[in-house]
Amino acid sequence: QVQLVESGGGLVQAGGSLRLSCAASGSILNINTMGWYRQAPGKQRELVAVVLSGGSSEYTDSVKGRFTISRDLAKKTVYLQMNNLKPEDTAVYYCNVDWVLLRDQAMGAKSVYDVWGQGTQVTVSS
């Protein structure tokens, strides 16, 4: 099994910063794209940023220039540095991995798709 554990959420004033972390655990042989999504009350979950296995990243327009996604392959961890936060950034932030290759006793290795963390609340006050 693979688990994603998020940390770093909290309450911050507009203009402030937070850094989210998401660590993947399990008998992991390889991880593909890692990303952050968010869901505000009454809204659908949306993509915030992703970092591909090759290291390139993509962002939704509303966070470009303010958020930075990065990953540490050795630690199997993805980070989201959020600067100049705005009240509209308030949401539950979820970590996602689109594909993980796990060590498996019976088969040698097995693929697991679309893994989600439990979410961490980010609240930005005006």
Foldseek 3Di string as FASTA:
>chain_A
DKAKAKDWADEEAQQAKIKMKIFIDAQFDDFFKKFKWWDDPPGDIGGAKIAGPVGDMDGDPVQPPFWDWGDDVVRRMIMIIGGRDDQVVWTWMKMWTAWTWGQDPVPRIDIDGIHIHPTDTHGYHD
